[in-house]
PDB file of N, CA and C in Angstrom:
ATOM      1  N   MET A   1      54.223  97.574   2.734  1.00  0.00           N
ATOM      2  CA  MET A   1      54.418  97.078   4.065  1.00  0.00           C
ATOM      3  C   MET A   1      54.592  98.231   5.061  1.00  0.00           C
ATOM      4  N   LEU A   2      55.334  99.234   4.652  1.00  0.00           N
ATOM      5  CA  LEU A   2      55.558 100.375   5.527  1.00  0.00           C
ATOM      6  C   LEU A   2      54.255 101.120   5.796  1.00  0.00           C
ATOM      7  N   PHE A   3      53.394 101.204   4.784  1.00  0.00           N
ATOM      8  CA  PHE A   3      52.100 101.857   4.969  1.00  0.00           C
ATOM      9  C   PHE A   3      51.270 101.125   6.015  1.00  0.00           C
ATOM     10  N   GLY A   4      51.248  99.796   5.942  1.00  0.00           N
ATOM     11  CA  GLY A   4      50.506  99.011   6.923  1.00  0.00           C
ATOM     12  C   GLY A   4      51.049  99.194   8.329  1.00  0.00           C
ATOM     13  N   GLN A   5      52.357  99.242   8.455  1.00  0.00           N
ATOM     14  CA  GLN A   5      52.981  99.434   9.759  1.00  0.00           C
ATOM     15  C   GLN A   5      52.611 100.792  10.352  1.00  0.00           C
ATOM     16  N   ILE A   6      52.664 101.823   9.542  1.00  0.00           N
ATOM     17  CA  ILE A   6      52.326 103.167  10.032  1.00  0.00           C
ATOM     18  C   ILE A   6      50.833 103.268  10.330  1.00  0.00           C
ATOM     19  N   ALA A   7      50.006 102.631   9.505  1.00  0.00           N
ATOM     20  CA  ALA A   7      48.553 102.665   9.719  1.00  0.00           C
ATOM     21  C   ALA A   7      48.169 102.012  11.042  1.00  0.00           C
ATOM     22  N   VAL A   8      48.942 101.045  11.491  1.00  0.00           N
ATOM     23  CA  VAL A   8      48.677 100.397  12.777  1.00  0.00           C
ATOM     24  C   VAL A   8      49.334 101.168  13.917  1.00  0.00           C
ATOM     25  N   THR A   9      50.499 101.723  13.675  1.00  0.00           N
ATOM     26  CA  THR A   9      51.264 102.389  14.724  1.00  0.00           C
ATOM     27  C   THR A   9      50.614 103.692  15.192  1.00  0.00           C
ATOM     28  N   LEU A  10      50.121 104.500  14.270  1.00  0.00           N
ATOM     29  CA  LEU A  10      49.586 105.810  14.650  1.00  0.00           C
ATOM     30  C   LEU A  10      48.372 105.717  15.580  1.00  0.00           C
ATOM     31  N   PRO A  11      47.365 104.893  15.283  1.00  0.00           N
ATOM     32  CA  PRO A  11      46.262 104.785  16.250  1.00  0.00           C
ATOM     33  C   PRO A  11      46.714 104.220  17.601  1.00  0.00           C
ATOM     34  N   ASN A  12      47.663 103.270  17.582  1.00  0.00           N
ATOM     35  CA  ASN A  12      48.184 102.735  18.843  1.00  0.00           C
ATOM     36  C   ASN A  12      48.875 103.815  19.658  1.00  0.00           C
ATOM     37  N   LEU A  13      49.572 104.691  18.994  1.00  0.00           N
ATOM     38  CA  LEU A  13      50.255 105.788  19.668  1.00  0.00           C
ATOM     39  C   LEU A  13      49.248 106.700  20.365  1.00  0.00           C
ATOM     40  N   CYS A  14      48.218 107.100  19.634  1.00  0.00           N
ATOM     41  CA  CYS A  14      47.203 107.992  20.211  1.00  0.00           C
ATOM     42  C   CYS A  14      46.454 107.306  21.350  1.00  0.00           C
ATOM     43  N   LEU A  15      46.103 106.054  21.152  1.00  0.00           N
ATOM     44  CA  LEU A  15      45.348 105.334  22.168  1.00  0.00           C
ATOM     45  C   LEU A  15      46.172 105.104  23.431  1.00  0.00           C
ATOM     46  N   SER A  16      47.439 104.802  23.276  1.00  0.00           N
ATOM     47  CA  SER A  16      48.264 104.583  24.469  1.00  0.00           C
ATOM     48  C   SER A  16      48.475 105.884  25.239  1.00  0.00           C
ATOM     49  N   ILE A  17      48.564 107.005  24.545  1.00  0.00           N
ATOM     50  CA  ILE A  17      48.657 108.292  25.244  1.00  0.00           C
ATOM     51  C   ILE A  17      47.389 108.541  26.047  1.00  0.00           C
ATOM     52  N   TYR A  18      46.258 108.255  25.438  1.00  0.00           N
ATOM     53  CA  TYR A  18      44.985 108.435  26.135  1.00  0.00           C
ATOM     54  C   TYR A  18      44.895 107.502  27.347  1.00  0.00           C
ATOM     55  N   LEU A  19      45.277 106.243  27.167  1.00  0.00           N
ATOM     56  CA  LEU A  19      45.233 105.292  28.284  1.00  0.00           C
ATOM     57  C   LEU A  19      46.164 105.716  29.417  1.00  0.00           C
ATOM     58  N   LEU A  20      47.322 106.264  29.079  1.00  0.00           N
ATOM     59  CA  LEU A  20      48.228 106.746  30.118  1.00  0.00           C
ATOM     60  C   LEU A  20      47.591 107.857  30.940  1.00  0.00           C
ATOM     61  N   SER A  21      46.768 108.674  30.311  1.00  0.00           N
ATOM     62  CA  SER A  21      46.149 109.787  31.041  1.00  0.00           C
ATOM     63  C   SER A  21      44.995 109.335  31.923  1.00  0.00           C
ATOM     64  N   THR A  22      44.441 108.164  31.658  1.00  0.00           N
ATOM     65  CA  THR A  22      43.283 107.711  32.433  1.00  0.00           C
ATOM     66  C   THR A  22      43.642 106.716  33.526  1.00  0.00           C
ATOM     67  N   GLN A  23      44.863 106.194  33.535  1.00  0.00           N
ATOM     68  CA  GLN A  23      45.229 105.159  34.500  1.00  0.00           C
ATOM     69  C   GLN A  23      45.944 105.746  35.713  1.00  0.00           C
ATOM     70  N   ASN A  24      45.843 105.005  36.795  1.00  0.00           N
ATOM     71  CA  ASN A  24      46.530 105.364  38.031  1.00  0.00           C
ATOM     72  C   ASN A  24      48.024 105.106  37.851  1.00  0.00           C
ATOM     73  N   ILE A  25      48.844 106.049  38.259  1.00  0.00           N
ATOM     74  CA  ILE A  25      50.286 105.950  38.053  1.00  0.00           C
ATOM     75  C   ILE A  25      50.889 104.759  38.800  1.00  0.00           C
ATOM     76  N   ALA A  26      50.337 104.394  39.925  1.00  0.00           N
ATOM     77  CA  ALA A  26      50.887 103.294  40.726  1.00  0.00           C
ATOM     78  C   ALA A  26      50.425 101.916  40.255  1.00  0.00           C
ATOM     79  N   SER A  27      49.606 101.845  39.221  1.00  0.00           N
ATOM     80  CA  SER A  27      49.067 100.554  38.788  1.00  0.00           C
ATOM     81  C   SER A  27      50.014  99.846  37.813  1.00  0.00           C
ATOM     82  N   MET A  28      49.836  98.536  37.721  1.00  0.00           N
ATOM     83  CA  MET A  28      50.627  97.743  36.787  1.00  0.00           C
ATOM     84  C   MET A  28      50.214  98.043  35.344  1.00  0.00           C
ATOM     85  N   ASP A  29      48.948  98.378  35.122  1.00  0.00           N
ATOM     86  CA  ASP A  29      48.479  98.740  33.784  1.00  0.00           C
ATOM     87  C   ASP A  29      49.202  99.976  33.263  1.00  0.00           C
ATOM     88  N   PHE A  30      49.469 100.929  34.144  1.00  0.00           N
ATOM     89  CA  PHE A  30      50.184 102.134  33.743  1.00  0.00           C
ATOM     90  C   PHE A  30      51.603 101.793  33.293  1.00  0.00           C
ATOM     91  N   VAL A  31      52.264 100.905  34.027  1.00  0.00           N
ATOM     92  CA  VAL A  31      53.632 100.502  33.675  1.00  0.00           C
ATOM     93  C   VAL A  31      53.636  99.788  32.324  1.00  0.00           C
ATOM     94  N   MET A  32      52.687  98.879  32.125  1.00  0.00           N
ATOM     95  CA  MET A  32      52.631  98.136  30.863  1.00  0.00           C
ATOM     96  C   MET A  32      52.299  99.066  29.699  1.00  0.00           C
ATOM     97  N   THR A  33      51.383 100.005  29.909  1.00  0.00           N
ATOM     98  CA  THR A  33      51.033 100.948  28.853  1.00  0.00           C
ATOM     99  C   THR A  33      52.209 101.866  28.539  1.00  0.00           C
ATOM    100  N   THR A  34      52.959 102.247  29.555  1.00  0.00           N
ATOM    101  CA  THR A  34      54.150 103.080  29.346  1.00  0.00           C
ATOM    102  C   THR A  34      55.190 102.331  28.514  1.00  0.00           C
ATOM    103  N   GLN A  35      55.388 101.062  28.814  1.00  0.00           N
ATOM    104  CA  GLN A  35      56.330 100.267  28.035  1.00  0.00           C
ATOM    105  C   GLN A  35      55.859 100.106  26.596  1.00  0.00           C
ATOM    106  N   PHE A  36      54.557  99.879  26.402  1.00  0.00           N
ATOM    107  CA  PHE A  36      54.022  99.753  25.050  1.00  0.00           C
ATOM    108  C   PHE A  36      54.182 101.066  24.289  1.00  0.00           C
ATOM    109  N   PHE A  37      53.859 102.182  24.948  1.00  0.00           N
ATOM    110  CA  PHE A  37      54.005 103.502  24.327  1.00  0.00           C
ATOM    111  C   PHE A  37      55.459 103.748  23.927  1.00  0.00           C
ATOM    112  N   SER A  38      56.391 103.411  24.810  1.00  0.00           N
ATOM    113  CA  SER A  38      57.813 103.598  24.519  1.00  0.00           C
ATOM    114  C   SER A  38      58.241 102.757  23.322  1.00  0.00           C
ATOM    115  N   ALA A  39      57.762 101.522  23.259  1.00  0.00           N
ATOM    116  CA  ALA A  39      58.118 100.649  22.142  1.00  0.00           C
ATOM    117  C   ALA A  39      57.580 101.194  20.822  1.00  0.00           C
ATOM    118  N   VAL A  40      56.356 101.711  20.830  1.00  0.00           N
ATOM    119  CA  VAL A  40      55.756 102.264  19.609  1.00  0.00           C
ATOM    120  C   VAL A  40      56.524 103.503  19.153  1.00  0.00           C
ATOM    121  N   VAL A  41      56.882 104.371  20.101  1.00  0.00           N
ATOM    122  CA  VAL A  41      57.618 105.591  19.748  1.00  0.00           C
ATOM    123  C   VAL A  41      59.006 105.242  19.222  1.00  0.00           C
ATOM    124  N   ILE A  42      59.682 104.298  19.854  1.00  0.00           N
ATOM    125  CA  ILE A  42      61.024 103.899  19.399  1.00  0.00           C
ATOM    126  C   ILE A  42      60.954 103.265  18.016  1.00  0.00           C
ATOM    127  N   GLU A  43      59.961 102.417  17.787  1.00  0.00           N
ATOM    128  CA  GLU A  43      59.801 101.792  16.472  1.00  0.00           C
ATOM    129  C   GLU A  43      59.585 102.846  15.391  1.00  0.00           C
ATOM    130  N   LEU A  44      58.704 103.780  15.655  1.00  0.00           N
ATOM    131  CA  LEU A  44      58.433 104.845  14.698  1.00  0.00           C
ATOM    132  C   LEU A  44      59.670 105.713  14.478  1.00  0.00           C
ATOM    133  N   PHE A  45      60.396 105.989  15.551  1.00  0.00           N
ATOM    134  CA  PHE A  45      61.598 106.795  15.440  1.00  0.00           C
ATOM    135  C   PHE A  45      62.641 106.107  14.564  1.00  0.00           C
ATOM    136  N   PHE A  46      62.814 104.788  14.729  1.00  0.00           N
ATOM    137  CA  PHE A  46      63.791 104.066  13.909  1.00  0.00           C
ATOM    138  C   PHE A  46      63.434 104.120  12.428  1.00  0.00           C
ATOM    139  N   PHE A  47      62.153 103.940  12.105  1.00  0.00           N
ATOM    140  CA  PHE A  47      61.736 104.038  10.708  1.00  0.00           C
ATOM    141  C   PHE A  47      62.087 105.416  10.151  1.00  0.00           C
ATOM    142  N   CYS A  48      61.749 106.443  10.909  1.00  0.00           N
ATOM    143  CA  CYS A  48      61.989 107.814  10.435  1.00  0.00           C
ATOM    144  C   CYS A  48      63.475 108.140  10.401  1.00  0.00           C
ATOM    145  N   TRP A  49      64.231 107.716  11.407  1.00  0.00           N
ATOM    146  CA  TRP A  49      65.663 108.009  11.464  1.00  0.00           C
ATOM    147  C   TRP A  49      66.403 107.387  10.277  1.00  0.00           C
ATOM    148  N   TYR A  50      66.158 106.106  10.042  1.00  0.00           N
ATOM    149  CA  TYR A  50      66.884 105.446   8.963  1.00  0.00           C
ATOM    150  C   TYR A  50      66.397 105.886   7.588  1.00  0.00           C
ATOM    151  N   GLY A  51      65.132 106.251   7.473  1.00  0.00           N
ATOM    152  CA  GLY A  51      64.657 106.851   6.234  1.00  0.00           C
ATOM    153  C   GLY A  51      65.361 108.171   5.966  1.00  0.00           C
ATOM    154  N   ASN A  52      65.565 108.943   7.020  1.00  0.00           N
ATOM    155  CA  ASN A  52      66.280 110.211   6.913  1.00  0.00           C
ATOM    156  C   ASN A  52      67.747 109.973   6.549  1.00  0.00           C
ATOM    157  N   GLN A  53      68.373 108.959   7.133  1.00  0.00           N
ATOM    158  CA  GLN A  53      69.767 108.646   6.828  1.00  0.00           C
ATOM    159  C   GLN A  53      69.944 108.225   5.370  1.00  0.00           C
ATOM    160  N   VAL A  54      69.026 107.439   4.850  1.00  0.00           N
ATOM    161  CA  VAL A  54      69.093 107.028   3.445  1.00  0.00           C
ATOM    162  C   VAL A  54      69.011 108.257   2.545  1.00  0.00           C
ATOM    163  N   THR A  55      68.115 109.169   2.865  1.00  0.00           N
ATOM    164  CA  THR A  55      67.972 110.392   2.072  1.00  0.00           C
ATOM    165  C   THR A  55      69.252 111.221   2.118  1.00  0.00           C
ATOM    166  N   LEU A  56      69.813 111.397   3.302  1.00  0.00           N
ATOM    167  CA  LEU A  56      71.043 112.187   3.424  1.00  0.00           C
ATOM    168  C   LEU A  56      72.212 111.524   2.692  1.00  0.00           C
ATOM    169  N   ASN A  57      72.327 110.212   2.795  1.00  0.00           N
ATOM    170  CA  ASN A  57      73.416 109.515   2.111  1.00  0.00           C
ATOM    171  C   ASN A  57      73.237 109.508   0.603  1.00  0.00           C
ATOM    172  N   SER A  58      72.002 109.599   0.133  1.00  0.00           N
ATOM    173  CA  SER A  58      71.791 109.632  -1.313  1.00  0.00           C
ATOM    174  C   SER A  58      72.338 110.926  -1.924  1.00  0.00           C
ATOM    175  N   PHE A  59      72.405 111.987  -1.145  1.00  0.00           N
ATOM    176  CA  PHE A  59      73.022 113.225  -1.632  1.00  0.00           C
ATOM    177  C   PHE A  59      74.529 113.051  -1.806  1.00  0.00           C
ATOM    178  N   ASP A  60      75.140 112.203  -0.989  1.00  0.00           N
ATOM    179  CA  ASP A  60      76.581 111.993  -1.046  1.00  0.00           C
ATOM    180  C   ASP A  60      77.023 111.265  -2.310  1.00  0.00           C
ATOM    181  N   VAL A  61      76.140 110.481  -2.913  1.00  0.00           N
ATOM    182  CA  VAL A  61      76.511 109.733  -4.118  1.00  0.00           C
ATOM    183  C   VAL A  61      76.856 110.695  -5.250  1.00  0.00           C
ATOM    184  N   GLU A  62      75.995 111.670  -5.473  1.00  0.00           N
ATOM    185  CA  GLU A  62      76.252 112.651  -6.528  1.00  0.00           C
ATOM    186  C   GLU A  62      77.533 113.439  -6.247  1.00  0.00           C
ATOM    187  N   ALA A  63      77.721 113.819  -4.994  1.00  0.00           N
ATOM    188  CA  ALA A  63      78.923 114.578  -4.639  1.00  0.00           C
ATOM    189  C   ALA A  63      80.184 113.731  -4.832  1.00  0.00           C
ATOM    190  N   ALA A  64      80.129 112.467  -4.505  1.00  0.00           N
ATOM    191  CA  ALA A  64      81.295 111.595  -4.671  1.00  0.00           C
ATOM    192  C   ALA A  64      81.645 111.411  -6.142  1.00  0.00           C
ATOM    193  N   ILE A  65      80.633 111.288  -6.983  1.00  0.00           N
ATOM    194  CA  ILE A  65      80.886 111.130  -8.421  1.00  0.00           C
ATOM    195  C   ILE A  65      81.499 112.397  -8.995  1.00  0.00           C
ATOM    196  N   SER A  66      80.983 113.540  -8.568  1.00  0.00           N
ATOM    197  CA  SER A  66      81.475 114.793  -9.145  1.00  0.00           C
ATOM    198  C   SER A  66      82.888 115.134  -8.691  1.00  0.00           C
ATOM    199  N   THR A  67      83.330 114.612  -7.560  1.00  0.00           N
ATOM    200  CA  THR A  67      84.673 114.945  -7.075  1.00  0.00           C
ATOM    201  C   THR A  67      85.745 113.948  -7.507  1.00  0.00           C
ATOM    202  N   MET A  68      85.352 112.867  -8.156  1.00  0.00           N
ATOM    203  CA  MET A  68      86.356 111.879  -8.550  1.00  0.00           C
ATOM    204  C   MET A  68      87.105 112.318  -9.817  1.00  0.00           C
ATOM    205  N   ASP A  69      88.200 111.662 -10.106  1.00  0.00           N
ATOM    206  CA  ASP A  69      89.034 111.984 -11.260  1.00  0.00           C
ATOM    207  C   ASP A  69      88.464 111.300 -12.509  1.00  0.00           C
ATOM    208  N   TRP A  70      87.749 112.056 -13.300  1.00  0.00           N
ATOM    209  CA  TRP A  70      87.092 111.525 -14.499  1.00  0.00           C
ATOM    210  C   TRP A  70      88.070 111.335 -15.653  1.00  0.00           C
ATOM    211  N   THR A  71      89.135 112.078 -15.651  1.00  0.00           N
ATOM    212  CA  THR A  71      90.041 112.082 -16.812  1.00  0.00           C
ATOM    213  C   THR A  71      90.740 110.741 -17.014  1.00  0.00           C
ATOM    214  N   SER A  72      90.864 109.962 -15.968  1.00  0.00           N
ATOM    215  CA  SER A  72      91.568 108.680 -16.101  1.00  0.00           C
ATOM    216  C   SER A  72      90.645 107.555 -16.582  1.00  0.00           C
ATOM    217  N   LEU A  73      89.360 107.837 -16.759  1.00  0.00           N
ATOM    218  CA  LEU A  73      88.401 106.814 -17.164  1.00  0.00           C
ATOM    219  C   LEU A  73      88.192 106.795 -18.674  1.00  0.00           C
ATOM    220  N   THR A  74      87.644 105.707 -19.149  1.00  0.00           N
ATOM    221  CA  THR A  74      87.314 105.605 -20.573  1.00  0.00           C
ATOM    222  C   THR A  74      86.087 106.467 -20.862  1.00  0.00           C
ATOM    223  N   ALA A  75      85.860 106.738 -22.154  1.00  0.00           N
ATOM    224  CA  ALA A  75      84.711 107.545 -22.557  1.00  0.00           C
ATOM    225  C   ALA A  75      83.408 106.865 -22.146  1.00  0.00           C
ATOM    226  N   ARG A  76      83.348 105.562 -22.254  1.00  0.00           N
ATOM    227  CA  ARG A  76      82.138 104.826 -21.868  1.00  0.00           C
ATOM    228  C   ARG A  76      81.870 104.970 -20.367  1.00  0.00           C
ATOM    229  N   SER A  77      82.903 104.861 -19.555  1.00  0.00           N
ATOM    230  CA  SER A  77      82.760 105.018 -18.106  1.00  0.00           C
ATOM    231  C   SER A  77      82.349 106.438 -17.745  1.00  0.00           C
ATOM    232  N   GLN A  78      82.885 107.414 -18.446  1.00  0.00           N
ATOM    233  CA  GLN A  78      82.511 108.798 -18.199  1.00  0.00           C
ATOM    234  C   GLN A  78      81.034 109.028 -18.499  1.00  0.00           C
ATOM    235  N   LYS A  79      80.550 108.458 -19.601  1.00  0.00           N
ATOM    236  CA  LYS A  79      79.131 108.588 -19.935  1.00  0.00           C
ATOM    237  C   LYS A  79      78.258 107.906 -18.886  1.00  0.00           C
ATOM    238  N   PHE A  80      78.710 106.748 -18.424  1.00  0.00           N
ATOM    239  CA  PHE A  80      77.982 106.024 -17.398  1.00  0.00           C
ATOM    240  C   PHE A  80      77.896 106.839 -16.106  1.00  0.00           C
ATOM    241  N   LEU A  81      79.001 107.438 -15.695  1.00  0.00           N
ATOM    242  CA  LEU A  81      79.017 108.253 -14.477  1.00  0.00           C
ATOM    243  C   LEU A  81      78.167 109.508 -14.635  1.00  0.00           C
ATOM    244  N   LEU A  82      78.176 110.094 -15.826  1.00  0.00           N
ATOM    245  CA  LEU A  82      77.339 111.265 -16.065  1.00  0.00           C
ATOM    246  C   LEU A  82      75.861 110.894 -15.950  1.00  0.00           C
ATOM    247  N   GLN A  83      75.520 109.764 -16.519  1.00  0.00           N
ATOM    248  CA  GLN A  83      74.138 109.284 -16.420  1.00  0.00           C
ATOM    249  C   GLN A  83      73.776 108.985 -14.955  1.00  0.00           C
ATOM    250  N   MET A  84      74.708 108.439 -14.228  1.00  0.00           N
ATOM    251  CA  MET A  84      74.476 108.141 -12.818  1.00  0.00           C
ATOM    252  C   MET A  84      74.284 109.425 -12.010  1.00  0.00           C
ATOM    253  N   MET A  85      75.037 110.461 -12.340  1.00  0.00           N
ATOM    254  CA  MET A  85      74.884 111.755 -11.642  1.00  0.00           C
ATOM    255  C   MET A  85      73.506 112.346 -11.888  1.00  0.00           C
ATOM    256  N   VAL A  86      73.031 112.233 -13.117  1.00  0.00           N
ATOM    257  CA  VAL A  86      71.702 112.765 -13.439  1.00  0.00           C
ATOM    258  C   VAL A  86      70.630 112.019 -12.641  1.00  0.00           C
ATOM    259  N   ARG A  87      70.773 110.712 -12.550  1.00  0.00           N
ATOM    260  CA  ARG A  87      69.790 109.908 -11.819  1.00  0.00           C
ATOM    261  C   ARG A  87      69.848 110.150 -10.316  1.00  0.00           C
ATOM    262  N   THR A  88      71.008 110.435  -9.784  1.00  0.00           N
ATOM    263  CA  THR A  88      71.125 110.653  -8.342  1.00  0.00           C
ATOM    264  C   THR A  88      70.898 112.103  -7.944  1.00  0.00           C
ATOM    265  N   ALA A  89      70.531 112.947  -8.878  1.00  0.00           N
ATOM    266  CA  ALA A  89      70.254 114.349  -8.538  1.00  0.00           C
ATOM    267  C   ALA A  89      69.028 114.456  -7.634  1.00  0.00           C
ATOM    268  N   ARG A  90      68.090 113.539  -7.814  1.00  0.00           N
ATOM    269  CA  ARG A  90      66.925 113.498  -6.919  1.00  0.00           C
ATOM    270  C   ARG A  90      67.229 112.558  -5.762  1.00  0.00           C
ATOM    271  N   PRO A  91      66.921 112.970  -4.535  1.00  0.00           N
ATOM    272  CA  PRO A  91      67.256 112.108  -3.385  1.00  0.00           C
ATOM    273  C   PRO A  91      66.356 110.871  -3.319  1.00  0.00           C
ATOM    274  N   ILE A  92      66.871 109.850  -2.681  1.00  0.00           N
ATOM    275  CA  ILE A  92      66.090 108.642  -2.427  1.00  0.00           C
ATOM    276  C   ILE A  92      65.239 108.908  -1.190  1.00  0.00           C
ATOM    277  N   LEU A  93      63.948 108.680  -1.293  1.00  0.00           N
ATOM    278  CA  LEU A  93      63.032 108.922  -0.177  1.00  0.00           C
ATOM    279  C   LEU A  93      62.262 107.650   0.148  1.00  0.00           C
ATOM    280  N   PHE A  94      62.155 107.348   1.438  1.00  0.00           N
ATOM    281  CA  PHE A  94      61.239 106.301   1.866  1.00  0.00           C
ATOM    282  C   PHE A  94      59.897 106.965   2.069  1.00  0.00           C
ATOM    283  N   ARG A  95      58.889 106.460   1.390  1.00  0.00           N
ATOM    284  CA  ARG A  95      57.558 107.050   1.478  1.00  0.00           C
ATOM    285  C   ARG A  95      56.560 106.045   2.014  1.00  0.00           C
ATOM    286  N   VAL A  96      55.599 106.561   2.732  1.00  0.00           N
ATOM    287  CA  VAL A  96      54.485 105.752   3.213  1.00  0.00           C
ATOM    288  C   VAL A  96      53.333 106.042   2.266  1.00  0.00           C
ATOM    289  N   GLY A  97      53.316 105.309   1.174  1.00  0.00           N
ATOM    290  CA  GLY A  97      52.300 105.564   0.156  1.00  0.00           C
ATOM    291  C   GLY A  97      52.414 106.998  -0.312  1.00  0.00           C
ATOM    292  N   PRO A  98      51.299 107.607  -0.646  1.00  0.00           N
ATOM    293  CA  PRO A  98      51.338 109.017  -1.046  1.00  0.00           C
ATOM    294  C   PRO A  98      51.215 109.962   0.152  1.00  0.00           C
ATOM    295  N   ILE A  99      51.224 109.410   1.348  1.00  0.00           N
ATOM    296  CA  ILE A  99      50.900 110.198   2.540  1.00  0.00           C
ATOM    297  C   ILE A  99      52.065 111.053   3.019  1.00  0.00           C
ATOM    298  N   MET A 100      53.230 110.415   3.262  1.00  0.00           N
ATOM    299  CA  MET A 100      54.342 111.164   3.858  1.00  0.00           C
ATOM    300  C   MET A 100      55.668 110.479   3.584  1.00  0.00           C
ATOM    301  N   ASP A 101      56.731 111.245   3.760  1.00  0.00           N
ATOM    302  CA  ASP A 101      58.088 110.716   3.680  1.00  0.00           C
ATOM    303  C   ASP A 101      58.517 110.302   5.085  1.00  0.00           C
ATOM    304  N   MET A 102      59.367 109.307   5.156  1.00  0.00           N
ATOM    305  CA  MET A 102      59.881 108.860   6.452  1.00  0.00           C
ATOM    306  C   MET A 102      61.170 109.623   6.745  1.00  0.00           C
ATOM    307  N   ASN A 103      61.058 110.674   7.540  1.00  0.00           N
ATOM    308  CA  ASN A 103      62.226 111.436   7.962  1.00  0.00           C
ATOM    309  C   ASN A 103      61.953 112.026   9.342  1.00  0.00           C
ATOM    310  N   ILE A 104      62.901 112.742   9.876  1.00  0.00           N
ATOM    311  CA  ILE A 104      62.778 113.281  11.227  1.00  0.00           C
ATOM    312  C   ILE A 104      61.643 114.295  11.315  1.00  0.00           C
ATOM    313  N   ASP A 105      61.447 115.092  10.280  1.00  0.00           N
ATOM    314  CA  ASP A 105      60.342 116.055  10.286  1.00  0.00           C
ATOM    315  C   ASP A 105      58.998 115.336  10.377  1.00  0.00           C
ATOM    316  N   SER A 106      58.873 114.218   9.693  1.00  0.00           N
ATOM    317  CA  SER A 106      57.640 113.437   9.758  1.00  0.00           C
ATOM    318  C   SER A 106      57.423 112.882  11.160  1.00  0.00           C
ATOM    319  N   PHE A 107      58.502 112.428  11.789  1.00  0.00           N
ATOM    320  CA  PHE A 107      58.400 111.914  13.159  1.00  0.00           C
ATOM    321  C   PHE A 107      57.887 112.988  14.096  1.00  0.00           C
ATOM    322  N   LEU A 108      58.448 114.184  14.002  1.00  0.00           N
ATOM    323  CA  LEU A 108      57.991 115.281  14.859  1.00  0.00           C
ATOM    324  C   LEU A 108      56.543 115.649  14.566  1.00  0.00           C
ATOM    325  N   SER A 109      56.181 115.628  13.304  1.00  0.00           N
ATOM    326  CA  SER A 109      54.802 115.913  12.918  1.00  0.00           C
ATOM    327  C   SER A 109      53.837 114.867  13.490  1.00  0.00           C
ATOM    328  N   ILE A 110      54.243 113.607  13.436  1.00  0.00           N
ATOM    329  CA  ILE A 110      53.407 112.537  13.992  1.00  0.00           C
ATOM    330  C   ILE A 110      53.256 112.708  15.494  1.00  0.00           C
ATOM    331  N   MET A 111      54.324 113.045  16.178  1.00  0.00           N
ATOM    332  CA  MET A 111      54.239 113.230  17.627  1.00  0.00           C
ATOM    333  C   MET A 111      53.343 114.413  17.982  1.00  0.00           C
ATOM    334  N   LYS A 112      53.422 115.502  17.216  1.00  0.00           N
ATOM    335  CA  LYS A 112      52.555 116.654  17.464  1.00  0.00           C
ATOM    336  C   LYS A 112      51.096 116.311  17.196  1.00  0.00           C
ATOM    337  N   THR A 113      50.846 115.577  16.125  1.00  0.00           N
ATOM    338  CA  THR A 113      49.484 115.170  15.789  1.00  0.00           C
ATOM    339  C   THR A 113      48.936 114.225  16.846  1.00  0.00           C
ATOM    340  N   SER A 114      49.760 113.335  17.351  1.00  0.00           N
ATOM    341  CA  SER A 114      49.326 112.423  18.409  1.00  0.00           C
ATOM    342  C   SER A 114      48.954 113.184  19.671  1.00  0.00           C
ATOM    343  N   TYR A 115      49.743 114.190  19.991  1.00  0.00           N
ATOM    344  CA  TYR A 115      49.398 115.004  21.155  1.00  0.00           C
ATOM    345  C   TYR A 115      48.097 115.756  20.929  1.00  0.00           C
ATOM    346  N   SER A 116      47.874 116.234  19.714  1.00  0.00           N
ATOM    347  CA  SER A 116      46.610 116.916  19.409  1.00  0.00           C
ATOM    348  C   SER A 116      45.434 115.954  19.544  1.00  0.00           C
ATOM    349  N   ALA A 117      45.612 114.731  19.067  1.00  0.00           N
ATOM    350  CA  ALA A 117      44.554 113.726  19.216  1.00  0.00           C
ATOM    351  C   ALA A 117      44.315 113.420  20.685  1.00  0.00           C
ATOM    352  N   PHE A 118      45.378 113.369  21.457  1.00  0.00           N
ATOM    353  CA  PHE A 118      45.244 113.166  22.891  1.00  0.00           C
ATOM    354  C   PHE A 118      44.425 114.301  23.518  1.00  0.00           C
ATOM    355  N   SER A 119      44.712 115.523  23.120  1.00  0.00           N
ATOM    356  CA  SER A 119      43.979 116.670  23.654  1.00  0.00           C
ATOM    357  C   SER A 119      42.501 116.587  23.335  1.00  0.00           C
ATOM    358  N   VAL A 120      42.178 116.159  22.133  1.00  0.00           N
ATOM    359  CA  VAL A 120      40.774 116.010  21.754  1.00  0.00           C
ATOM    360  C   VAL A 120      40.121 114.916  22.582  1.00  0.00           C
ATOM    361  N   LEU A 121      40.788 113.779  22.728  1.00  0.00           N
ATOM    362  CA  LEU A 121      40.239 112.689  23.545  1.00  0.00           C
ATOM    363  C   LEU A 121      40.088 113.113  24.996  1.00  0.00           C
ATOM    364  N   GLN A 122      41.037 113.871  25.490  1.00  0.00           N
ATOM    365  CA  GLN A 122      40.998 114.344  26.865  1.00  0.00           C
ATOM    366  C   GLN A 122      39.827 115.309  27.073  1.00  0.00           C
ATOM    367  N   SER A 123      39.567 116.157  26.108  1.00  0.00           N
ATOM    368  CA  SER A 123      38.471 117.115  26.245  1.00  0.00           C
ATOM    369  C   SER A 123      37.107 116.429  26.147  1.00  0.00           C
ATOM    370  N   THR A 124      37.004 115.326  25.400  1.00  0.00           N
ATOM    371  CA  THR A 124      35.719 114.599  25.309  1.00  0.00           C
ATOM    372  C   THR A 124      35.471 113.788  26.575  1.00  0.00           C
ATOM    373  N   LYS A 125      36.527 113.464  27.304  1.00  0.00           N
ATOM    374  CA  LYS A 125      36.383 112.719  28.554  1.00  0.00           C
ATOM    375  C   LYS A 125      35.703 113.549  29.624  1.00  0.00           C
ATOM    376  N   GLU A 126      35.961 114.834  29.609  1.00  0.00           N
ATOM    377  CA  GLU A 126      35.441 115.732  30.646  1.00  0.00           C
ATOM    378  C   GLU A 126      34.076 116.111  30.327  1.00  0.00           C
TER     379      GLU A 126
END
């Protein structure tokens, strides 16, 4: 589902940037395109922000397990926690298929790529 959302969002982002550059600033179309562009950027930012938060919080699980008092637990519980620490050593990542991870770096990369696409569209217009 996330892949489909990103596959639709990225072309809309590039196209709305291009439309903003071709429209008259005083027109109603410019205002509507600006609102659409803002909504697309905010939506993408939320996906990336919360994906980044999940990744950062997944690091805290291992740290919380390692700092707790293990000596008061049963041997079975200690083995369970050790197994849990091994599994949480790798962070949880939200991925868009094999393409990219959803984090703040990805958001910045998408915005830079969108601007590059805008530049290409702008140069073909002239």
